[in-house]
Amino acid sequence: QVQLVESGGGLVQTGGSLRLSCAASGRTFNSLAMGWFRQAPGKEREFVSAISWGGGSTVFADSVKGRFAISRENAGDTVYLQMNSLKPEDTAVYYCAARVGQPATGAASYDYWGQGTQVTVSS
């Protein structure tokens, strides 16, 4: 069993930055990929970014490419999402997720989920 806890959400102005963190605990292992999803009011949960255990493989949604960056500690149990040039459209609850194997974009393929952290970008 893996537990995930997100932190770092908050309220920022358009153009500002935030860094989200996701800490994994419990029975983690080296093949565990981690990712970020978000869900805005009235919309489906959407993929944001994902990273492999070693950090050598990353994936980004087109909507955040060039603005967001994902990174992982060498030990692999903490993942970060650096969000720059934030827009009101980025406002959502952001969820950390983990799965066994390679990074993936489909939410259904992830095995573990955090409780989410709110990100609000004011106009």
PDB file of N, CA and C in Angstrom:
ATOM      1  N   GLN A   1       0.829  -1.175   0.000  1.00  0.00           N
ATOM      2  CA  GLN A   1       0.000   0.000   0.000  1.00  0.00           C
ATOM      3  C   GLN A   1       0.880   1.247   0.000  1.00  0.00           C
ATOM      4  N   VAL A   2       0.479   2.240  -0.801  1.00  0.00           N
ATOM      5  CA  VAL A   2       1.204   3.493  -0.922  1.00  0.00           C
ATOM      6  C   VAL A   2       0.273   4.636  -0.537  1.00  0.00           C
ATOM      7  N   GLN A   3       0.769   5.539   0.275  1.00  0.00           N
ATOM      8  CA  GLN A   3       0.032   6.741   0.632  1.00  0.00           C
ATOM      9  C   GLN A   3       0.698   7.952  -0.009  1.00  0.00           C
ATOM     10  N   LEU A   4      -0.114   8.856  -0.545  1.00  0.00           N
ATOM     11  CA  LEU A   4       0.378  10.049  -1.212  1.00  0.00           C
ATOM     12  C   LEU A   4      -0.226  11.278  -0.550  1.00  0.00           C
ATOM     13  N   VAL A   5       0.601  12.279  -0.291  1.00  0.00           N
ATOM     14  CA  VAL A   5       0.157  13.517   0.330  1.00  0.00           C
ATOM     15  C   VAL A   5       0.687  14.689  -0.477  1.00  0.00           C
ATOM     16  N   GLU A   6      -0.229  15.520  -0.993  1.00  0.00           N
ATOM     17  CA  GLU A   6       0.144  16.707  -1.749  1.00  0.00           C
ATOM     18  C   GLU A   6       0.243  17.913  -0.826  1.00  0.00           C
ATOM     19  N   SER A   7       1.051  18.868  -1.235  1.00  0.00           N
ATOM     20  CA  SER A   7       1.145  20.133  -0.528  1.00  0.00           C
ATOM     21  C   SER A   7       1.615  21.207  -1.502  1.00  0.00           C
ATOM     22  N   GLY A   8       1.466  22.458  -1.109  1.00  0.00           N
ATOM     23  CA  GLY A   8       1.974  23.567  -1.896  1.00  0.00           C
ATOM     24  C   GLY A   8       0.943  24.363  -2.657  1.00  0.00           C
ATOM     25  N   GLY A   9      -0.308  23.955  -2.616  1.00  0.00           N
ATOM     26  CA  GLY A   9      -1.340  24.703  -3.304  1.00  0.00           C
ATOM     27  C   GLY A   9      -1.608  26.034  -2.630  1.00  0.00           C
ATOM     28  N   GLY A  10      -2.339  26.889  -3.329  1.00  0.00           N
ATOM     29  CA  GLY A  10      -2.660  28.187  -2.776  1.00  0.00           C
ATOM     30  C   GLY A  10      -3.237  29.110  -3.818  1.00  0.00           C
ATOM     31  N   LEU A  11      -3.263  30.383  -3.480  1.00  0.00           N
ATOM     32  CA  LEU A  11      -3.806  31.429  -4.341  1.00  0.00           C
ATOM     33  C   LEU A  11      -2.674  32.284  -4.878  1.00  0.00           C
ATOM     34  N   VAL A  12      -2.620  32.428  -6.198  1.00  0.00           N
ATOM     35  CA  VAL A  12      -1.598  33.251  -6.839  1.00  0.00           C
ATOM     36  C   VAL A  12      -2.238  34.100  -7.923  1.00  0.00           C
ATOM     37  N   GLN A  13      -1.538  35.147  -8.313  1.00  0.00           N
ATOM     38  CA  GLN A  13      -1.993  35.999  -9.395  1.00  0.00           C
ATOM     39  C   GLN A  13      -1.591  35.427 -10.744  1.00  0.00           C
ATOM     40  N   THR A  14      -2.298  35.843 -11.767  1.00  0.00           N
ATOM     41  CA  THR A  14      -1.933  35.462 -13.127  1.00  0.00           C
ATOM     42  C   THR A  14      -0.469  35.802 -13.395  1.00  0.00           C
ATOM     43  N   GLY A  15       0.258  34.850 -13.959  1.00  0.00           N
ATOM     44  CA  GLY A  15       1.668  35.031 -14.231  1.00  0.00           C
ATOM     45  C   GLY A  15       2.581  34.583 -13.116  1.00  0.00           C
ATOM     46  N   GLY A  16       2.028  34.249 -11.983  1.00  0.00           N
ATOM     47  CA  GLY A  16       2.817  33.819 -10.845  1.00  0.00           C
ATOM     48  C   GLY A  16       3.198  32.357 -10.921  1.00  0.00           C
ATOM     49  N   SER A  17       3.831  31.889  -9.845  1.00  0.00           N
ATOM     50  CA  SER A  17       4.353  30.531  -9.797  1.00  0.00           C
ATOM     51  C   SER A  17       3.983  29.850  -8.493  1.00  0.00           C
ATOM     52  N   LEU A  18       3.885  28.547  -8.554  1.00  0.00           N
ATOM     53  CA  LEU A  18       3.702  27.698  -7.389  1.00  0.00           C
ATOM     54  C   LEU A  18       4.485  26.416  -7.604  1.00  0.00           C
ATOM     55  N   ARG A  19       4.900  25.811  -6.512  1.00  0.00           N
ATOM     56  CA  ARG A  19       5.518  24.500  -6.578  1.00  0.00           C
ATOM     57  C   ARG A  19       4.739  23.535  -5.699  1.00  0.00           C
ATOM     58  N   LEU A  20       4.203  22.508  -6.312  1.00  0.00           N
ATOM     59  CA  LEU A  20       3.498  21.467  -5.593  1.00  0.00           C
ATOM     60  C   LEU A  20       4.450  20.328  -5.257  1.00  0.00           C
ATOM     61  N   SER A  21       4.208  19.704  -4.124  1.00  0.00           N
ATOM     62  CA  SER A  21       4.995  18.559  -3.706  1.00  0.00           C
ATOM     63  C   SER A  21       4.075  17.377  -3.452  1.00  0.00           C
ATOM     64  N   CYS A  22       4.583  16.195  -3.708  1.00  0.00           N
ATOM     65  CA  CYS A  22       3.866  14.963  -3.419  1.00  0.00           C
ATOM     66  C   CYS A  22       4.823  14.004  -2.743  1.00  0.00           C
ATOM     67  N   ALA A  23       4.511  13.638  -1.523  1.00  0.00           N
ATOM     68  CA  ALA A  23       5.335  12.718  -0.760  1.00  0.00           C
ATOM     69  C   ALA A  23       4.669  11.357  -0.700  1.00  0.00           C
ATOM     70  N   ALA A  24       5.409  10.334  -1.058  1.00  0.00           N
ATOM     71  CA  ALA A  24       4.919   8.965  -1.023  1.00  0.00           C
ATOM     72  C   ALA A  24       5.476   8.250   0.195  1.00  0.00           C
ATOM     73  N   SER A  25       4.630   7.471   0.828  1.00  0.00           N
ATOM     74  CA  SER A  25       5.054   6.674   1.966  1.00  0.00           C
ATOM     75  C   SER A  25       4.377   5.316   1.908  1.00  0.00           C
ATOM     76  N   GLY A  26       4.803   4.428   2.777  1.00  0.00           N
ATOM     77  CA  GLY A  26       4.282   3.080   2.758  1.00  0.00           C
ATOM     78  C   GLY A  26       5.180   2.167   1.952  1.00  0.00           C
ATOM     79  N   ARG A  27       4.581   1.241   1.264  1.00  0.00           N
ATOM     80  CA  ARG A  27       5.336   0.241   0.518  1.00  0.00           C
ATOM     81  C   ARG A  27       5.628   0.743  -0.891  1.00  0.00           C
ATOM     82  N   THR A  28       6.661   1.563  -0.991  1.00  0.00           N
ATOM     83  CA  THR A  28       7.095   2.077  -2.282  1.00  0.00           C
ATOM     84  C   THR A  28       8.250   1.245  -2.813  1.00  0.00           C
ATOM     85  N   PHE A  29       8.461   1.303  -4.117  1.00  0.00           N
ATOM     86  CA  PHE A  29       9.551   0.571  -4.738  1.00  0.00           C
ATOM     87  C   PHE A  29      10.000   1.290  -6.001  1.00  0.00           C
ATOM     88  N   ASN A  30      11.099   0.836  -6.575  1.00  0.00           N
ATOM     89  CA  ASN A  30      11.799   1.601  -7.593  1.00  0.00           C
ATOM     90  C   ASN A  30      11.071   1.717  -8.930  1.00  0.00           C
ATOM     91  N   SER A  31      10.090   0.883  -9.174  1.00  0.00           N
ATOM     92  CA  SER A  31       9.378   0.927 -10.446  1.00  0.00           C
ATOM     93  C   SER A  31       8.147   1.824 -10.411  1.00  0.00           C
ATOM     94  N   LEU A  32       7.974   2.593  -9.351  1.00  0.00           N
ATOM     95  CA  LEU A  32       6.771   3.401  -9.158  1.00  0.00           C
ATOM     96  C   LEU A  32       6.909   4.731  -9.882  1.00  0.00           C
ATOM     97  N   ALA A  33       6.103   4.918 -10.929  1.00  0.00           N
ATOM     98  CA  ALA A  33       6.016   6.199 -11.607  1.00  0.00           C
ATOM     99  C   ALA A  33       4.986   7.086 -10.915  1.00  0.00           C
ATOM    100  N   MET A  34       5.175   8.386 -11.006  1.00  0.00           N
ATOM    101  CA  MET A  34       4.269   9.316 -10.349  1.00  0.00           C
ATOM    102  C   MET A  34       3.827  10.388 -11.318  1.00  0.00           C
ATOM    103  N   GLY A  35       2.618  10.874 -11.110  1.00  0.00           N
ATOM    104  CA  GLY A  35       2.070  11.865 -12.010  1.00  0.00           C
ATOM    105  C   GLY A  35       1.162  12.850 -11.309  1.00  0.00           C
ATOM    106  N   TRP A  36       0.768  13.865 -12.068  1.00  0.00           N
ATOM    107  CA  TRP A  36      -0.139  14.895 -11.589  1.00  0.00           C
ATOM    108  C   TRP A  36      -1.349  14.988 -12.509  1.00  0.00           C
ATOM    109  N   PHE A  37      -2.512  15.091 -11.907  1.00  0.00           N
ATOM    110  CA  PHE A  37      -3.764  15.328 -12.612  1.00  0.00           C
ATOM    111  C   PHE A  37      -4.452  16.523 -11.972  1.00  0.00           C
ATOM    112  N   ARG A  38      -5.398  17.105 -12.681  1.00  0.00           N
ATOM    113  CA  ARG A  38      -6.153  18.213 -12.116  1.00  0.00           C
ATOM    114  C   ARG A  38      -7.602  18.137 -12.553  1.00  0.00           C
ATOM    115  N   GLN A  39      -8.462  18.726 -11.744  1.00  0.00           N
ATOM    116  CA  GLN A  39      -9.882  18.743 -12.048  1.00  0.00           C
ATOM    117  C   GLN A  39     -10.452  20.103 -11.670  1.00  0.00           C
ATOM    118  N   ALA A  40     -10.964  20.799 -12.661  1.00  0.00           N
ATOM    119  CA  ALA A  40     -11.600  22.089 -12.466  1.00  0.00           C
ATOM    120  C   ALA A  40     -13.103  21.900 -12.309  1.00  0.00           C
ATOM    121  N   PRO A  41     -13.787  22.866 -11.700  1.00  0.00           N
ATOM    122  CA  PRO A  41     -15.239  22.746 -11.542  1.00  0.00           C
ATOM    123  C   PRO A  41     -15.940  22.524 -12.872  1.00  0.00           C
ATOM    124  N   GLY A  42     -16.804  21.527 -12.916  1.00  0.00           N
ATOM    125  CA  GLY A  42     -17.574  21.236 -14.106  1.00  0.00           C
ATOM    126  C   GLY A  42     -16.820  20.533 -15.214  1.00  0.00           C
ATOM    127  N   LYS A  43     -15.584  20.131 -14.965  1.00  0.00           N
ATOM    128  CA  LYS A  43     -14.784  19.483 -15.990  1.00  0.00           C
ATOM    129  C   LYS A  43     -14.292  18.121 -15.530  1.00  0.00           C
ATOM    130  N   GLU A  44     -13.889  17.317 -16.504  1.00  0.00           N
ATOM    131  CA  GLU A  44     -13.330  16.008 -16.208  1.00  0.00           C
ATOM    132  C   GLU A  44     -11.909  16.141 -15.671  1.00  0.00           C
ATOM    133  N   ARG A  45     -11.496  15.138 -14.930  1.00  0.00           N
ATOM    134  CA  ARG A  45     -10.122  15.102 -14.470  1.00  0.00           C
ATOM    135  C   ARG A  45      -9.187  14.937 -15.667  1.00  0.00           C
ATOM    136  N   GLU A  46      -8.150  15.749 -15.726  1.00  0.00           N
ATOM    137  CA  GLU A  46      -7.249  15.718 -16.861  1.00  0.00           C
ATOM    138  C   GLU A  46      -5.805  15.528 -16.437  1.00  0.00           C
ATOM    139  N   PHE A  47      -5.057  14.928 -17.320  1.00  0.00           N
ATOM    140  CA  PHE A  47      -3.649  14.686 -17.101  1.00  0.00           C
ATOM    141  C   PHE A  47      -2.859  15.975 -17.186  1.00  0.00           C
ATOM    142  N   VAL A  48      -1.859  16.112 -16.320  1.00  0.00           N
ATOM    143  CA  VAL A  48      -0.974  17.272 -16.329  1.00  0.00           C
ATOM    144  C   VAL A  48       0.452  16.867 -16.694  1.00  0.00           C
ATOM    145  N   SER A  49       1.035  15.970 -15.907  1.00  0.00           N
ATOM    146  CA  SER A  49       2.419  15.574 -16.128  1.00  0.00           C
ATOM    147  C   SER A  49       2.708  14.290 -15.380  1.00  0.00           C
ATOM    148  N   ALA A  50       3.759  13.592 -15.797  1.00  0.00           N
ATOM    149  CA  ALA A  50       4.172  12.368 -15.126  1.00  0.00           C
ATOM    150  C   ALA A  50       5.669  12.179 -15.292  1.00  0.00           C
ATOM    151  N   ILE A  51       6.252  11.382 -14.394  1.00  0.00           N
ATOM    152  CA  ILE A  51       7.688  11.170 -14.388  1.00  0.00           C
ATOM    153  C   ILE A  51       7.997   9.754 -13.946  1.00  0.00           C
ATOM    154  N   SER A  52       9.037   9.169 -14.519  1.00  0.00           N
ATOM    155  CA  SER A  52       9.461   7.831 -14.145  1.00  0.00           C
ATOM    156  C   SER A  52      10.210   7.849 -12.822  1.00  0.00           C
ATOM    157  N   TRP A  53      10.444   6.667 -12.279  1.00  0.00           N
ATOM    158  CA  TRP A  53      11.139   6.567 -11.002  1.00  0.00           C
ATOM    159  C   TRP A  53      12.501   7.256 -11.039  1.00  0.00           C
ATOM    160  N   GLY A  54      13.265   7.030 -12.081  1.00  0.00           N
ATOM    161  CA  GLY A  54      14.587   7.610 -12.176  1.00  0.00           C
ATOM    162  C   GLY A  54      14.608   9.039 -12.687  1.00  0.00           C
ATOM    163  N   GLY A  55      13.484   9.548 -13.138  1.00  0.00           N
ATOM    164  CA  GLY A  55      13.406  10.913 -13.635  1.00  0.00           C
ATOM    165  C   GLY A  55      13.806  11.089 -15.086  1.00  0.00           C
ATOM    166  N   GLY A  56      14.195  10.019 -15.754  1.00  0.00           N
ATOM    167  CA  GLY A  56      14.656  10.127 -17.120  1.00  0.00           C
ATOM    168  C   GLY A  56      13.562  10.212 -18.169  1.00  0.00           C
ATOM    169  N   SER A  57      12.358   9.915 -17.796  1.00  0.00           N
ATOM    170  CA  SER A  57      11.228   9.942 -18.716  1.00  0.00           C
ATOM    171  C   SER A  57      10.134  10.825 -18.136  1.00  0.00           C
ATOM    172  N   THR A  58       9.739  11.852 -18.883  1.00  0.00           N
ATOM    173  CA  THR A  58       8.678  12.761 -18.448  1.00  0.00           C
ATOM    174  C   THR A  58       7.677  12.979 -19.564  1.00  0.00           C
ATOM    175  N   VAL A  59       6.459  13.290 -19.179  1.00  0.00           N
ATOM    176  CA  VAL A  59       5.378  13.548 -20.123  1.00  0.00           C
ATOM    177  C   VAL A  59       4.607  14.770 -19.634  1.00  0.00           C
ATOM    178  N   PHE A  60       4.187  15.630 -20.575  1.00  0.00           N
ATOM    179  CA  PHE A  60       3.417  16.815 -20.242  1.00  0.00           C
ATOM    180  C   PHE A  60       2.195  16.931 -21.142  1.00  0.00           C
ATOM    181  N   ALA A  61       1.117  17.425 -20.574  1.00  0.00           N
ATOM    182  CA  ALA A  61      -0.031  17.781 -21.380  1.00  0.00           C
ATOM    183  C   ALA A  61       0.286  19.011 -22.220  1.00  0.00           C
ATOM    184  N   ASP A  62      -0.319  19.098 -23.400  1.00  0.00           N
ATOM    185  CA  ASP A  62      -0.062  20.239 -24.273  1.00  0.00           C
ATOM    186  C   ASP A  62      -0.405  21.569 -23.608  1.00  0.00           C
ATOM    187  N   SER A  63      -1.399  21.569 -22.757  1.00  0.00           N
ATOM    188  CA  SER A  63      -1.859  22.799 -22.139  1.00  0.00           C
ATOM    189  C   SER A  63      -0.854  23.402 -21.159  1.00  0.00           C
ATOM    190  N   VAL A  64       0.086  22.603 -20.674  1.00  0.00           N
ATOM    191  CA  VAL A  64       1.058  23.097 -19.700  1.00  0.00           C
ATOM    192  C   VAL A  64       2.489  23.027 -20.204  1.00  0.00           C
ATOM    193  N   LYS A  65       2.699  22.477 -21.368  1.00  0.00           N
ATOM    194  CA  LYS A  65       4.044  22.314 -21.911  1.00  0.00           C
ATOM    195  C   LYS A  65       4.729  23.673 -22.045  1.00  0.00           C
ATOM    196  N   GLY A  66       5.953  23.738 -21.539  1.00  0.00           N
ATOM    197  CA  GLY A  66       6.700  24.978 -21.574  1.00  0.00           C
ATOM    198  C   GLY A  66       6.486  25.869 -20.375  1.00  0.00           C
ATOM    199  N   ARG A  67       5.463  25.598 -19.589  1.00  0.00           N
ATOM    200  CA  ARG A  67       5.185  26.390 -18.400  1.00  0.00           C
ATOM    201  C   ARG A  67       5.419  25.611 -17.111  1.00  0.00           C
ATOM    202  N   PHE A  68       5.140  24.324 -17.136  1.00  0.00           N
ATOM    203  CA  PHE A  68       5.284  23.483 -15.955  1.00  0.00           C
ATOM    204  C   PHE A  68       6.512  22.590 -16.102  1.00  0.00           C
ATOM    205  N   ALA A  69       7.073  22.199 -14.977  1.00  0.00           N
ATOM    206  CA  ALA A  69       8.177  21.253 -14.948  1.00  0.00           C
ATOM    207  C   ALA A  69       7.948  20.249 -13.835  1.00  0.00           C
ATOM    208  N   ILE A  70       8.332  19.016 -14.081  1.00  0.00           N
ATOM    209  CA  ILE A  70       8.196  17.979 -13.077  1.00  0.00           C
ATOM    210  C   ILE A  70       9.578  17.454 -12.734  1.00  0.00           C
ATOM    211  N   SER A  71       9.799  17.152 -11.482  1.00  0.00           N
ATOM    212  CA  SER A  71      11.085  16.638 -11.047  1.00  0.00           C
ATOM    213  C   SER A  71      10.881  15.666  -9.897  1.00  0.00           C
ATOM    214  N   ARG A  72      11.935  14.941  -9.598  1.00  0.00           N
ATOM    215  CA  ARG A  72      11.845  13.904  -8.585  1.00  0.00           C
ATOM    216  C   ARG A  72      13.159  13.813  -7.834  1.00  0.00           C
ATOM    217  N   GLU A  73      13.065  13.624  -6.541  1.00  0.00           N
ATOM    218  CA  GLU A  73      14.263  13.431  -5.742  1.00  0.00           C
ATOM    219  C   GLU A  73      14.949  12.146  -6.158  1.00  0.00           C
ATOM    220  N   ASN A  74      16.244  12.086  -5.908  1.00  0.00           N
ATOM    221  CA  ASN A  74      17.015  10.917  -6.298  1.00  0.00           C
ATOM    222  C   ASN A  74      16.453   9.632  -5.703  1.00  0.00           C
ATOM    223  N   ALA A  75      15.962   9.717  -4.470  1.00  0.00           N
ATOM    224  CA  ALA A  75      15.381   8.551  -3.822  1.00  0.00           C
ATOM    225  C   ALA A  75      14.055   8.136  -4.441  1.00  0.00           C
ATOM    226  N   GLY A  76      13.385   9.085  -5.097  1.00  0.00           N
ATOM    227  CA  GLY A  76      12.188   8.776  -5.858  1.00  0.00           C
ATOM    228  C   GLY A  76      10.868   8.864  -5.121  1.00  0.00           C
ATOM    229  N   ASP A  77      10.884   9.157  -3.838  1.00  0.00           N
ATOM    230  CA  ASP A  77       9.654   9.145  -3.067  1.00  0.00           C
ATOM    231  C   ASP A  77       8.974  10.502  -2.950  1.00  0.00           C
ATOM    232  N   THR A  78       9.577  11.534  -3.515  1.00  0.00           N
ATOM    233  CA  THR A  78       8.965  12.847  -3.542  1.00  0.00           C
ATOM    234  C   THR A  78       9.031  13.403  -4.952  1.00  0.00           C
ATOM    235  N   VAL A  79       7.910  13.876  -5.452  1.00  0.00           N
ATOM    236  CA  VAL A  79       7.844  14.465  -6.775  1.00  0.00           C
ATOM    237  C   VAL A  79       7.352  15.903  -6.648  1.00  0.00           C
ATOM    238  N   TYR A  80       7.849  16.773  -7.515  1.00  0.00           N
ATOM    239  CA  TYR A  80       7.498  18.176  -7.502  1.00  0.00           C
ATOM    240  C   TYR A  80       6.896  18.579  -8.841  1.00  0.00           C
ATOM    241  N   LEU A  81       5.983  19.506  -8.792  1.00  0.00           N
ATOM    242  CA  LEU A  81       5.436  20.129  -9.987  1.00  0.00           C
ATOM    243  C   LEU A  81       5.642  21.627  -9.868  1.00  0.00           C
ATOM    244  N   GLN A  82       6.587  22.150 -10.643  1.00  0.00           N
ATOM    245  CA  GLN A  82       6.844  23.578 -10.677  1.00  0.00           C
ATOM    246  C   GLN A  82       5.944  24.203 -11.731  1.00  0.00           C
ATOM    247  N   MET A  83       5.103  25.122 -11.316  1.00  0.00           N
ATOM    248  CA  MET A  83       4.131  25.743 -12.199  1.00  0.00           C
ATOM    249  C   MET A  83       4.478  27.212 -12.359  1.00  0.00           C
ATOM    250  N   ASN A  84       4.789  27.615 -13.572  1.00  0.00           N
ATOM    251  CA  ASN A  84       5.140  28.988 -13.887  1.00  0.00           C
ATOM    252  C   ASN A  84       4.146  29.573 -14.876  1.00  0.00           C
ATOM    253  N   SER A  85       4.152  30.890 -14.974  1.00  0.00           N
ATOM    254  CA  SER A  85       3.269  31.599 -15.907  1.00  0.00           C
ATOM    255  C   SER A  85       1.830  31.129 -15.767  1.00  0.00           C
ATOM    256  N   LEU A  86       1.368  31.071 -14.550  1.00  0.00           N
ATOM    257  CA  LEU A  86       0.046  30.521 -14.278  1.00  0.00           C
ATOM    258  C   LEU A  86      -1.059  31.393 -14.862  1.00  0.00           C
ATOM    259  N   LYS A  87      -2.102  30.722 -15.315  1.00  0.00           N
ATOM    260  CA  LYS A  87      -3.268  31.355 -15.909  1.00  0.00           C
ATOM    261  C   LYS A  87      -4.510  30.988 -15.111  1.00  0.00           C
ATOM    262  N   PRO A  88      -5.561  31.791 -15.199  1.00  0.00           N
ATOM    263  CA  PRO A  88      -6.807  31.412 -14.529  1.00  0.00           C
ATOM    264  C   PRO A  88      -7.308  30.031 -14.940  1.00  0.00           C
ATOM    265  N   GLU A  89      -7.033  29.619 -16.167  1.00  0.00           N
ATOM    266  CA  GLU A  89      -7.446  28.303 -16.641  1.00  0.00           C
ATOM    267  C   GLU A  89      -6.759  27.160 -15.899  1.00  0.00           C
ATOM    268  N   ASP A  90      -5.681  27.449 -15.184  1.00  0.00           N
ATOM    269  CA  ASP A  90      -4.989  26.440 -14.397  1.00  0.00           C
ATOM    270  C   ASP A  90      -5.655  26.181 -13.053  1.00  0.00           C
ATOM    271  N   THR A  91      -6.638  26.983 -12.703  1.00  0.00           N
ATOM    272  CA  THR A  91      -7.336  26.809 -11.434  1.00  0.00           C
ATOM    273  C   THR A  91      -8.012  25.443 -11.387  1.00  0.00           C
ATOM    274  N   ALA A  92      -7.693  24.673 -10.363  1.00  0.00           N
ATOM    275  CA  ALA A  92      -8.219  23.317 -10.237  1.00  0.00           C
ATOM    276  C   ALA A  92      -7.721  22.712  -8.936  1.00  0.00           C
ATOM    277  N   VAL A  93      -8.291  21.575  -8.592  1.00  0.00           N
ATOM    278  CA  VAL A  93      -7.712  20.730  -7.563  1.00  0.00           C
ATOM    279  C   VAL A  93      -6.690  19.836  -8.238  1.00  0.00           C
ATOM    280  N   TYR A  94      -5.480  19.835  -7.734  1.00  0.00           N
ATOM    281  CA  TYR A  94      -4.400  19.045  -8.303  1.00  0.00           C
ATOM    282  C   TYR A  94      -4.176  17.794  -7.468  1.00  0.00           C
ATOM    283  N   TYR A  95      -4.125  16.661  -8.149  1.00  0.00           N
ATOM    284  CA  TYR A  95      -3.977  15.368  -7.501  1.00  0.00           C
ATOM    285  C   TYR A  95      -2.663  14.715  -7.878  1.00  0.00           C
ATOM    286  N   CYS A  96      -1.996  14.176  -6.906  1.00  0.00           N
ATOM    287  CA  CYS A  96      -0.838  13.339  -7.131  1.00  0.00           C
ATOM    288  C   CYS A  96      -1.293  11.892  -7.288  1.00  0.00           C
ATOM    289  N   ALA A  97      -0.645  11.157  -8.170  1.00  0.00           N
ATOM    290  CA  ALA A  97      -0.987   9.767  -8.399  1.00  0.00           C
ATOM    291  C   ALA A  97       0.278   8.950  -8.630  1.00  0.00           C
ATOM    292  N   ALA A  98       0.175   7.644  -8.421  1.00  0.00           N
ATOM    293  CA  ALA A  98       1.306   6.751  -8.617  1.00  0.00           C
ATOM    294  C   ALA A  98       0.828   5.456  -9.247  1.00  0.00           C
ATOM    295  N   ARG A  99       1.703   4.848 -10.021  1.00  0.00           N
ATOM    296  CA  ARG A  99       1.400   3.581 -10.656  1.00  0.00           C
ATOM    297  C   ARG A  99       2.658   2.750 -10.779  1.00  0.00           C
ATOM    298  N   VAL A 100       2.469   1.465 -10.909  1.00  0.00           N
ATOM    299  CA  VAL A 100       3.587   0.561 -11.133  1.00  0.00           C
ATOM    300  C   VAL A 100       3.910   0.559 -12.616  1.00  0.00           C
ATOM    301  N   GLY A 101       5.157   0.828 -12.944  1.00  0.00           N
ATOM    302  CA  GLY A 101       5.581   0.825 -14.328  1.00  0.00           C
ATOM    303  C   GLY A 101       5.933   2.206 -14.831  1.00  0.00           C
ATOM    304  N   GLN A 102       5.745   2.407 -16.125  1.00  0.00           N
ATOM    305  CA  GLN A 102       6.147   3.645 -16.781  1.00  0.00           C
ATOM    306  C   GLN A 102       5.107   4.744 -16.598  1.00  0.00           C
ATOM    307  N   PRO A 103       5.515   6.005 -16.800  1.00  0.00           N
ATOM    308  CA  PRO A 103       4.528   7.092 -16.762  1.00  0.00           C
ATOM    309  C   PRO A 103       3.427   6.878 -17.785  1.00  0.00           C
ATOM    310  N   ALA A 104       2.233   7.306 -17.436  1.00  0.00           N
ATOM    311  CA  ALA A 104       1.076   7.161 -18.303  1.00  0.00           C
ATOM    312  C   ALA A 104       0.201   8.386 -18.177  1.00  0.00           C
ATOM    313  N   THR A 105      -0.658   8.598 -19.184  1.00  0.00           N
ATOM    314  CA  THR A 105      -1.524   9.770 -19.202  1.00  0.00           C
ATOM    315  C   THR A 105      -2.958   9.471 -18.781  1.00  0.00           C
ATOM    316  N   GLY A 106      -3.335   8.229 -18.711  1.00  0.00           N
ATOM    317  CA  GLY A 106      -4.695   7.864 -18.358  1.00  0.00           C
ATOM    318  C   GLY A 106      -4.869   7.691 -16.861  1.00  0.00           C
ATOM    319  N   ALA A 107      -5.846   8.380 -16.299  1.00  0.00           N
ATOM    320  CA  ALA A 107      -6.066   8.312 -14.858  1.00  0.00           C
ATOM    321  C   ALA A 107      -6.398   6.899 -14.396  1.00  0.00           C
ATOM    322  N   ALA A 108      -7.086   6.139 -15.232  1.00  0.00           N
ATOM    323  CA  ALA A 108      -7.511   4.806 -14.844  1.00  0.00           C
ATOM    324  C   ALA A 108      -6.345   3.852 -14.650  1.00  0.00           C
ATOM    325  N   SER A 109      -5.187   4.172 -15.185  1.00  0.00           N
ATOM    326  CA  SER A 109      -4.038   3.289 -15.068  1.00  0.00           C
ATOM    327  C   SER A 109      -3.243   3.499 -13.788  1.00  0.00           C
ATOM    328  N   TYR A 110      -3.589   4.486 -13.007  1.00  0.00           N
ATOM    329  CA  TYR A 110      -2.872   4.768 -11.771  1.00  0.00           C
ATOM    330  C   TYR A 110      -3.503   4.031 -10.592  1.00  0.00           C
ATOM    331  N   ASP A 111      -2.649   3.556  -9.711  1.00  0.00           N
ATOM    332  CA  ASP A 111      -3.075   2.697  -8.620  1.00  0.00           C
ATOM    333  C   ASP A 111      -3.342   3.435  -7.317  1.00  0.00           C
ATOM    334  N   TYR A 112      -2.674   4.554  -7.107  1.00  0.00           N
ATOM    335  CA  TYR A 112      -2.762   5.274  -5.844  1.00  0.00           C
ATOM    336  C   TYR A 112      -2.986   6.754  -6.101  1.00  0.00           C
ATOM    337  N   TRP A 113      -3.739   7.384  -5.206  1.00  0.00           N
ATOM    338  CA  TRP A 113      -4.101   8.791  -5.359  1.00  0.00           C
ATOM    339  C   TRP A 113      -4.012   9.523  -4.034  1.00  0.00           C
ATOM    340  N   GLY A 114      -3.582  10.778  -4.106  1.00  0.00           N
ATOM    341  CA  GLY A 114      -3.653  11.656  -2.961  1.00  0.00           C
ATOM    342  C   GLY A 114      -5.012  12.311  -2.858  1.00  0.00           C
ATOM    343  N   GLN A 115      -5.174  13.153  -1.842  1.00  0.00           N
ATOM    344  CA  GLN A 115      -6.455  13.805  -1.601  1.00  0.00           C
ATOM    345  C   GLN A 115      -6.632  15.107  -2.364  1.00  0.00           C
ATOM    346  N   GLY A 116      -5.570  15.623  -2.945  1.00  0.00           N
ATOM    347  CA  GLY A 116      -5.654  16.820  -3.753  1.00  0.00           C
ATOM    348  C   GLY A 116      -5.278  18.077  -3.000  1.00  0.00           C
ATOM    349  N   THR A 117      -4.835  19.071  -3.748  1.00  0.00           N
ATOM    350  CA  THR A 117      -4.524  20.378  -3.193  1.00  0.00           C
ATOM    351  C   THR A 117      -5.049  21.444  -4.150  1.00  0.00           C
ATOM    352  N   GLN A 118      -5.679  22.463  -3.602  1.00  0.00           N
ATOM    353  CA  GLN A 118      -6.335  23.482  -4.416  1.00  0.00           C
ATOM    354  C   GLN A 118      -5.329  24.501  -4.927  1.00  0.00           C
ATOM    355  N   VAL A 119      -5.403  24.778  -6.220  1.00  0.00           N
ATOM    356  CA  VAL A 119      -4.638  25.847  -6.846  1.00  0.00           C
ATOM    357  C   VAL A 119      -5.626  26.824  -7.460  1.00  0.00           C
ATOM    358  N   THR A 120      -5.533  28.073  -7.060  1.00  0.00           N
ATOM    359  CA  THR A 120      -6.414  29.107  -7.583  1.00  0.00           C
ATOM    360  C   THR A 120      -5.569  30.237  -8.150  1.00  0.00           C
ATOM    361  N   VAL A 121      -5.833  30.597  -9.401  1.00  0.00           N
ATOM    362  CA  VAL A 121      -5.106  31.655 -10.082  1.00  0.00           C
ATOM    363  C   VAL A 121      -6.083  32.784 -10.353  1.00  0.00           C
ATOM    364  N   SER A 122      -5.836  33.931  -9.764  1.00  0.00           N
ATOM    365  CA  SER A 122      -6.720  35.078  -9.914  1.00  0.00           C
ATOM    366  C   SER A 122      -6.378  35.847 -11.177  1.00  0.00           C
ATOM    367  N   SER A 123      -7.371  36.498 -11.752  1.00  0.00           N
ATOM    368  CA  SER A 123      -7.186  37.258 -12.973  1.00  0.00           C
ATOM    369  C   SER A 123      -6.550  38.601 -12.694  1.00  0.00           C
TER     370      SER A 123
END
